[in-house]
Amino acid sequence: MSITAQSKDGLQVQISAGRHGLIADVPLQLGGDDDGPSPYDFLLASLAACTIMTLHMYADRKGWPLEKVEVELSTKKIYARDCKDCESDPDAKIDIIERSLKIIGDLDQEQRERLIAIADRCPVHRTLTSETKIRTTVI
């Protein structure tokens, strides 16, 4: 998997993902032109898409009547001391991603609970919650 990106106009970034072209930008109030999603929008969109795809693949394998999944995501920063299940230095700021799922289909409670658990196992979720290293080289 390879993504390439390059500067465009102002703060805009032209992104190539295979044969797909995308524009990233920032809102007007942050100095951009608001001509595309922000980097955080793309991050959340990636998690939403992966969550939905993972739930559909799982339900299809099980033969469950999952019709549709809707995901709403938001992000915010808080101090670790304000987070009940965080282990960071209390003065550190941490990112919180809040995810709401709407699971549509003729599913029983046990199937719904299993799908909620499976949502945490999508590859993007696992990447975001695991130790990740980013190694930079200059070319």
N, C-alpha and C. Protein backbone atom coordinates (compact mmCIF):
# COMPACT_ATOMS: atom_id res chain seq x y z
N MET A 1 0.86 -1.16 0.00
CA MET A 1 0.00 0.00 0.00
C MET A 1 0.90 1.23 0.00
N SER A 2 0.59 2.15 -0.88
CA SER A 2 1.41 3.34 -0.97
C SER A 2 0.53 4.55 -1.26
N ILE A 3 0.76 5.59 -0.54
CA ILE A 3 0.07 6.87 -0.72
C ILE A 3 1.15 7.89 -1.05
N THR A 4 0.89 8.74 -2.03
CA THR A 4 1.81 9.85 -2.29
C THR A 4 1.03 11.14 -2.12
N ALA A 5 1.74 12.16 -1.69
CA ALA A 5 1.11 13.46 -1.48
C ALA A 5 2.11 14.55 -1.82
N GLN A 6 1.58 15.67 -2.30
CA GLN A 6 2.44 16.81 -2.60
C GLN A 6 1.68 18.10 -2.38
N SER A 7 2.45 19.15 -2.11
CA SER A 7 1.87 20.47 -1.92
C SER A 7 1.10 20.88 -3.15
N LYS A 8 0.00 21.59 -2.91
CA LYS A 8 -0.79 22.14 -4.01
C LYS A 8 -0.83 23.64 -3.78
N ASP A 9 -2.00 24.25 -3.68
CA ASP A 9 -2.13 25.68 -3.45
C ASP A 9 -2.35 25.96 -1.97
N GLY A 10 -1.63 26.95 -1.44
CA GLY A 10 -1.80 27.29 -0.02
C GLY A 10 -1.48 26.10 0.86
N LEU A 11 -2.43 25.72 1.69
CA LEU A 11 -2.25 24.57 2.57
C LEU A 11 -2.80 23.29 1.99
N GLN A 12 -3.32 23.34 0.77
CA GLN A 12 -3.90 22.16 0.15
C GLN A 12 -2.83 21.13 -0.17
N VAL A 13 -3.25 19.88 -0.12
CA VAL A 13 -2.37 18.76 -0.45
C VAL A 13 -3.08 17.87 -1.45
N GLN A 14 -2.39 17.54 -2.54
CA GLN A 14 -2.90 16.60 -3.54
C GLN A 14 -2.45 15.21 -3.12
N ILE A 15 -3.39 14.32 -2.93
CA ILE A 15 -3.10 12.96 -2.47
C ILE A 15 -3.44 11.98 -3.58
N SER A 16 -2.54 11.03 -3.81
CA SER A 16 -2.80 9.94 -4.75
C SER A 16 -2.80 8.63 -3.98
N ALA A 17 -3.91 7.93 -4.09
CA ALA A 17 -4.06 6.61 -3.47
C ALA A 17 -4.39 5.65 -4.60
N GLY A 18 -3.35 5.05 -5.18
CA GLY A 18 -3.57 4.23 -6.36
C GLY A 18 -4.09 5.10 -7.49
N ARG A 19 -5.25 4.74 -8.05
CA ARG A 19 -5.83 5.52 -9.15
C ARG A 19 -6.78 6.60 -8.66
N HIS A 20 -6.85 6.80 -7.35
CA HIS A 20 -7.77 7.78 -6.77
C HIS A 20 -7.03 9.05 -6.35
N GLY A 21 -7.59 10.19 -6.72
CA GLY A 21 -7.02 11.47 -6.33
C GLY A 21 -7.90 12.15 -5.30
N LEU A 22 -7.29 12.71 -4.29
CA LEU A 22 -8.00 13.38 -3.21
C LEU A 22 -7.32 14.70 -2.89
N ILE A 23 -8.08 15.63 -2.34
CA ILE A 23 -7.52 16.90 -1.87
C ILE A 23 -7.74 16.98 -0.37
N ALA A 24 -6.70 17.30 0.34
CA ALA A 24 -6.81 17.61 1.77
C ALA A 24 -6.62 19.11 1.93
N ASP A 25 -7.32 19.68 2.88
CA ASP A 25 -7.23 21.11 3.14
C ASP A 25 -7.60 21.33 4.61
N VAL A 26 -7.55 22.54 5.02
CA VAL A 26 -7.98 22.90 6.37
C VAL A 26 -9.06 23.97 6.27
N PRO A 27 -9.86 24.11 7.31
CA PRO A 27 -10.93 25.11 7.28
C PRO A 27 -10.40 26.54 7.13
N LEU A 28 -11.28 27.41 6.68
CA LEU A 28 -10.92 28.83 6.50
C LEU A 28 -10.34 29.44 7.77
N GLN A 29 -10.94 29.13 8.92
CA GLN A 29 -10.49 29.75 10.18
C GLN A 29 -9.08 29.30 10.58
N LEU A 30 -8.57 28.25 9.94
CA LEU A 30 -7.20 27.81 10.21
C LEU A 30 -6.24 28.18 9.09
N GLY A 31 -6.71 29.01 8.15
CA GLY A 31 -5.84 29.49 7.09
C GLY A 31 -5.93 28.75 5.79
N GLY A 32 -6.83 27.79 5.68
CA GLY A 32 -6.99 27.04 4.44
C GLY A 32 -8.12 27.59 3.61
N ASP A 33 -8.45 26.86 2.56
CA ASP A 33 -9.55 27.23 1.67
C ASP A 33 -10.78 26.33 1.87
N ASP A 34 -10.65 25.32 2.74
CA ASP A 34 -11.75 24.39 3.03
C ASP A 34 -12.23 23.69 1.76
N ASP A 35 -11.28 23.33 0.87
CA ASP A 35 -11.61 22.65 -0.37
C ASP A 35 -11.55 21.13 -0.27
N GLY A 36 -11.33 20.62 0.92
CA GLY A 36 -11.29 19.18 1.12
C GLY A 36 -11.27 18.87 2.59
N PRO A 37 -11.40 17.59 2.92
CA PRO A 37 -11.34 17.19 4.33
C PRO A 37 -9.98 17.52 4.93
N SER A 38 -9.98 17.74 6.24
CA SER A 38 -8.73 17.98 6.96
C SER A 38 -8.03 16.65 7.21
N PRO A 39 -6.77 16.68 7.60
CA PRO A 39 -6.09 15.42 7.92
C PRO A 39 -6.82 14.61 9.00
N TYR A 40 -7.36 15.28 10.02
CA TYR A 40 -8.12 14.55 11.04
C TYR A 40 -9.42 13.99 10.47
N ASP A 41 -10.04 14.70 9.54
CA ASP A 41 -11.23 14.15 8.88
C ASP A 41 -10.89 12.86 8.16
N PHE A 42 -9.75 12.85 7.46
CA PHE A 42 -9.34 11.64 6.76
C PHE A 42 -9.05 10.51 7.76
N LEU A 43 -8.44 10.84 8.88
CA LEU A 43 -8.17 9.83 9.91
C LEU A 43 -9.46 9.20 10.40
N LEU A 44 -10.44 10.04 10.75
CA LEU A 44 -11.71 9.53 11.24
C LEU A 44 -12.46 8.77 10.14
N ALA A 45 -12.40 9.27 8.91
CA ALA A 45 -13.06 8.59 7.79
C ALA A 45 -12.45 7.21 7.58
N SER A 46 -11.16 7.09 7.75
CA SER A 46 -10.49 5.81 7.61
C SER A 46 -10.99 4.82 8.67
N LEU A 47 -11.11 5.28 9.90
CA LEU A 47 -11.62 4.41 10.96
C LEU A 47 -13.08 4.04 10.70
N ALA A 48 -13.89 4.99 10.26
CA ALA A 48 -15.30 4.70 9.98
C ALA A 48 -15.43 3.68 8.86
N ALA A 49 -14.71 3.89 7.76
CA ALA A 49 -14.79 2.97 6.63
C ALA A 49 -14.34 1.56 7.03
N CYS A 50 -13.24 1.48 7.75
CA CYS A 50 -12.72 0.18 8.17
C CYS A 50 -13.69 -0.52 9.11
N THR A 51 -14.29 0.22 10.02
CA THR A 51 -15.26 -0.35 10.95
C THR A 51 -16.44 -0.96 10.18
N ILE A 52 -17.00 -0.19 9.26
CA ILE A 52 -18.15 -0.65 8.49
C ILE A 52 -17.79 -1.86 7.64
N MET A 53 -16.67 -1.81 6.95
CA MET A 53 -16.26 -2.94 6.10
C MET A 53 -16.03 -4.20 6.94
N THR A 54 -15.38 -4.04 8.10
CA THR A 54 -15.10 -5.19 8.97
C THR A 54 -16.40 -5.83 9.46
N LEU A 55 -17.37 -5.01 9.87
CA LEU A 55 -18.64 -5.56 10.35
C LEU A 55 -19.39 -6.28 9.25
N HIS A 56 -19.39 -5.71 8.04
CA HIS A 56 -20.07 -6.38 6.93
C HIS A 56 -19.38 -7.70 6.56
N MET A 57 -18.05 -7.71 6.53
CA MET A 57 -17.34 -8.95 6.21
C MET A 57 -17.62 -10.03 7.25
N TYR A 58 -17.62 -9.64 8.52
CA TYR A 58 -17.87 -10.60 9.60
C TYR A 58 -19.30 -11.14 9.50
N ALA A 59 -20.27 -10.24 9.35
CA ALA A 59 -21.67 -10.66 9.27
C ALA A 59 -21.90 -11.54 8.04
N ASP A 60 -21.27 -11.21 6.92
CA ASP A 60 -21.41 -12.03 5.71
C ASP A 60 -20.88 -13.44 5.94
N ARG A 61 -19.71 -13.54 6.60
CA ARG A 61 -19.14 -14.86 6.89
C ARG A 61 -20.06 -15.69 7.79
N LYS A 62 -20.72 -15.02 8.72
CA LYS A 62 -21.62 -15.71 9.66
C LYS A 62 -23.01 -15.94 9.07
N GLY A 63 -23.30 -15.31 7.94
CA GLY A 63 -24.63 -15.42 7.36
C GLY A 63 -25.67 -14.62 8.11
N TRP A 64 -25.25 -13.56 8.80
CA TRP A 64 -26.17 -12.74 9.58
C TRP A 64 -26.82 -11.68 8.70
N PRO A 65 -28.06 -11.31 9.00
CA PRO A 65 -28.79 -10.34 8.16
C PRO A 65 -28.46 -8.88 8.48
N LEU A 66 -27.19 -8.52 8.41
CA LEU A 66 -26.78 -7.13 8.62
C LEU A 66 -27.09 -6.36 7.34
N GLU A 67 -27.91 -5.33 7.46
CA GLU A 67 -28.30 -4.55 6.29
C GLU A 67 -27.42 -3.33 6.09
N LYS A 68 -27.15 -2.63 7.17
CA LYS A 68 -26.45 -1.36 7.05
C LYS A 68 -25.79 -1.03 8.38
N VAL A 69 -24.66 -0.33 8.29
CA VAL A 69 -23.98 0.18 9.48
C VAL A 69 -23.72 1.66 9.25
N GLU A 70 -24.02 2.46 10.25
CA GLU A 70 -23.69 3.88 10.23
C GLU A 70 -22.75 4.16 11.39
N VAL A 71 -21.73 4.94 11.12
CA VAL A 71 -20.73 5.28 12.13
C VAL A 71 -20.61 6.79 12.21
N GLU A 72 -20.61 7.31 13.41
CA GLU A 72 -20.35 8.74 13.62
C GLU A 72 -19.14 8.83 14.55
N LEU A 73 -18.17 9.64 14.15
CA LEU A 73 -16.92 9.77 14.91
C LEU A 73 -16.63 11.23 15.20
N SER A 74 -16.02 11.46 16.34
CA SER A 74 -15.51 12.79 16.69
C SER A 74 -14.23 12.58 17.49
N THR A 75 -13.44 13.62 17.55
CA THR A 75 -12.19 13.55 18.29
C THR A 75 -12.02 14.79 19.14
N LYS A 76 -11.35 14.62 20.26
CA LYS A 76 -11.04 15.74 21.13
C LYS A 76 -9.79 15.40 21.93
N LYS A 77 -9.18 16.41 22.49
CA LYS A 77 -8.02 16.23 23.35
C LYS A 77 -8.44 16.54 24.78
N ILE A 78 -7.99 15.70 25.71
CA ILE A 78 -8.25 15.94 27.13
C ILE A 78 -6.98 15.64 27.91
N TYR A 79 -6.94 16.08 29.15
CA TYR A 79 -5.83 15.72 30.03
C TYR A 79 -6.04 14.28 30.51
N ALA A 80 -4.95 13.55 30.62
CA ALA A 80 -5.02 12.16 31.06
C ALA A 80 -5.69 12.05 32.43
N ARG A 81 -5.52 13.04 33.28
CA ARG A 81 -6.14 12.99 34.61
C ARG A 81 -7.67 12.98 34.53
N ASP A 82 -8.21 13.44 33.41
CA ASP A 82 -9.66 13.47 33.23
C ASP A 82 -10.19 12.21 32.54
N CYS A 83 -9.32 11.25 32.34
CA CYS A 83 -9.67 10.01 31.64
C CYS A 83 -9.59 8.86 32.64
N LYS A 84 -10.71 8.18 32.86
CA LYS A 84 -10.77 7.11 33.86
C LYS A 84 -9.91 5.91 33.52
N ASP A 85 -9.75 5.59 32.22
CA ASP A 85 -9.03 4.38 31.83
C ASP A 85 -7.71 4.66 31.12
N CYS A 86 -7.10 5.82 31.38
CA CYS A 86 -5.83 6.19 30.75
C CYS A 86 -4.70 6.04 31.74
N GLU A 87 -3.54 5.63 31.23
CA GLU A 87 -2.39 5.39 32.10
C GLU A 87 -1.28 6.40 31.91
N SER A 88 -1.48 7.41 31.09
CA SER A 88 -0.45 8.40 30.80
C SER A 88 -0.22 9.31 32.00
N ASP A 89 0.88 10.06 31.93
CA ASP A 89 1.17 11.11 32.91
C ASP A 89 -0.08 11.99 33.02
N PRO A 90 -0.56 12.26 34.23
CA PRO A 90 -1.80 13.04 34.40
C PRO A 90 -1.79 14.39 33.69
N ASP A 91 -0.61 14.99 33.50
CA ASP A 91 -0.54 16.29 32.84
C ASP A 91 -0.44 16.18 31.32
N ALA A 92 -0.34 14.96 30.81
CA ALA A 92 -0.25 14.76 29.35
C ALA A 92 -1.62 14.93 28.71
N LYS A 93 -1.62 15.46 27.51
CA LYS A 93 -2.87 15.54 26.73
C LYS A 93 -2.96 14.28 25.87
N ILE A 94 -4.14 13.73 25.82
CA ILE A 94 -4.36 12.53 25.02
C ILE A 94 -5.52 12.77 24.06
N ASP A 95 -5.52 12.01 22.99
CA ASP A 95 -6.60 12.09 22.01
C ASP A 95 -7.69 11.09 22.38
N ILE A 96 -8.92 11.54 22.34
CA ILE A 96 -10.08 10.67 22.54
C ILE A 96 -10.86 10.66 21.23
N ILE A 97 -11.09 9.47 20.70
CA ILE A 97 -11.96 9.31 19.54
C ILE A 97 -13.23 8.65 20.05
N GLU A 98 -14.34 9.33 19.84
CA GLU A 98 -15.63 8.79 20.24
C GLU A 98 -16.34 8.26 19.00
N ARG A 99 -16.80 7.01 19.11
CA ARG A 99 -17.43 6.35 17.97
C ARG A 99 -18.83 5.89 18.36
N SER A 100 -19.82 6.25 17.56
CA SER A 100 -21.19 5.77 17.75
C SER A 100 -21.54 4.88 16.57
N LEU A 101 -22.10 3.72 16.87
CA LEU A 101 -22.48 2.76 15.84
C LEU A 101 -23.99 2.64 15.77
N LYS A 102 -24.51 2.57 14.57
CA LYS A 102 -25.91 2.24 14.34
C LYS A 102 -25.90 0.99 13.48
N ILE A 103 -26.37 -0.11 14.04
CA ILE A 103 -26.36 -1.40 13.36
C ILE A 103 -27.79 -1.73 12.95
N ILE A 104 -28.01 -1.84 11.65
CA ILE A 104 -29.37 -2.03 11.12
C ILE A 104 -29.47 -3.42 10.50
N GLY A 105 -30.47 -4.15 10.93
CA GLY A 105 -30.72 -5.49 10.41
C GLY A 105 -31.48 -6.30 11.44
N ASP A 106 -32.04 -7.42 11.02
CA ASP A 106 -32.82 -8.28 11.91
C ASP A 106 -31.86 -9.19 12.69
N LEU A 107 -31.18 -8.58 13.65
CA LEU A 107 -30.16 -9.28 14.44
C LEU A 107 -30.64 -9.41 15.87
N ASP A 108 -30.26 -10.51 16.53
CA ASP A 108 -30.61 -10.64 17.94
C ASP A 108 -29.57 -9.91 18.79
N GLN A 109 -29.82 -9.81 20.08
CA GLN A 109 -28.94 -9.05 20.97
C GLN A 109 -27.53 -9.63 21.01
N GLU A 110 -27.41 -10.93 20.99
CA GLU A 110 -26.09 -11.57 21.01
C GLU A 110 -25.29 -11.23 19.75
N GLN A 111 -25.94 -11.23 18.60
CA GLN A 111 -25.27 -10.86 17.35
C GLN A 111 -24.84 -9.40 17.38
N ARG A 112 -25.69 -8.51 17.87
CA ARG A 112 -25.35 -7.09 17.98
C ARG A 112 -24.14 -6.89 18.90
N GLU A 113 -24.15 -7.56 20.04
CA GLU A 113 -23.02 -7.43 20.98
C GLU A 113 -21.73 -7.93 20.36
N ARG A 114 -21.81 -9.01 19.59
CA ARG A 114 -20.62 -9.54 18.93
C ARG A 114 -20.10 -8.55 17.89
N LEU A 115 -21.01 -7.93 17.14
CA LEU A 115 -20.58 -6.95 16.14
C LEU A 115 -19.93 -5.73 16.80
N ILE A 116 -20.44 -5.31 17.94
CA ILE A 116 -19.82 -4.20 18.67
C ILE A 116 -18.40 -4.56 19.07
N ALA A 117 -18.21 -5.79 19.54
CA ALA A 117 -16.85 -6.24 19.91
C ALA A 117 -15.95 -6.33 18.67
N ILE A 118 -16.50 -6.78 17.56
CA ILE A 118 -15.72 -6.91 16.32
C ILE A 118 -15.29 -5.54 15.80
N ALA A 119 -16.08 -4.51 16.06
CA ALA A 119 -15.72 -3.15 15.60
C ALA A 119 -14.34 -2.75 16.12
N ASP A 120 -13.99 -3.18 17.33
CA ASP A 120 -12.69 -2.85 17.90
C ASP A 120 -11.55 -3.66 17.27
N ARG A 121 -11.89 -4.60 16.41
CA ARG A 121 -10.87 -5.44 15.79
C ARG A 121 -10.59 -5.07 14.34
N CYS A 122 -11.19 -3.97 13.84
CA CYS A 122 -10.87 -3.60 12.46
C CYS A 122 -9.40 -3.18 12.41
N PRO A 123 -8.74 -3.38 11.28
CA PRO A 123 -7.31 -3.09 11.20
C PRO A 123 -6.93 -1.64 11.53
N VAL A 124 -7.72 -0.67 11.13
CA VAL A 124 -7.38 0.72 11.44
C VAL A 124 -7.50 0.97 12.94
N HIS A 125 -8.53 0.43 13.58
CA HIS A 125 -8.67 0.55 15.04
C HIS A 125 -7.43 -0.03 15.73
N ARG A 126 -7.02 -1.21 15.28
CA ARG A 126 -5.85 -1.85 15.88
C ARG A 126 -4.59 -1.01 15.69
N THR A 127 -4.44 -0.41 14.52
CA THR A 127 -3.28 0.45 14.28
C THR A 127 -3.29 1.65 15.21
N LEU A 128 -4.46 2.28 15.35
CA LEU A 128 -4.56 3.48 16.18
C LEU A 128 -4.34 3.20 17.66
N THR A 129 -4.64 1.97 18.10
CA THR A 129 -4.53 1.66 19.53
C THR A 129 -3.28 0.84 19.85
N SER A 130 -2.44 0.60 18.86
CA SER A 130 -1.21 -0.15 19.10
C SER A 130 -0.02 0.79 19.05
N GLU A 131 1.13 0.27 19.38
CA GLU A 131 2.35 1.08 19.25
C GLU A 131 2.66 1.19 17.76
N THR A 132 2.80 2.40 17.30
CA THR A 132 3.07 2.65 15.89
C THR A 132 4.33 3.49 15.77
N LYS A 133 5.20 3.12 14.87
CA LYS A 133 6.42 3.88 14.60
C LYS A 133 6.30 4.48 13.21
N ILE A 134 6.71 5.73 13.07
CA ILE A 134 6.77 6.37 11.76
C ILE A 134 8.23 6.71 11.52
N ARG A 135 8.80 6.11 10.48
CA ARG A 135 10.21 6.32 10.17
C ARG A 135 10.31 7.19 8.94
N THR A 136 11.02 8.30 9.05
CA THR A 136 11.13 9.28 7.98
C THR A 136 12.52 9.25 7.36
N THR A 137 12.55 9.26 6.02
CA THR A 137 13.81 9.43 5.31
C THR A 137 13.63 10.61 4.37
N VAL A 138 14.72 11.28 4.06
CA VAL A 138 14.69 12.40 3.13
C VAL A 138 15.22 11.90 1.79
N ILE A 139 14.49 12.17 0.72
CA ILE A 139 14.92 11.69 -0.60
C ILE A 139 15.18 12.87 -1.53
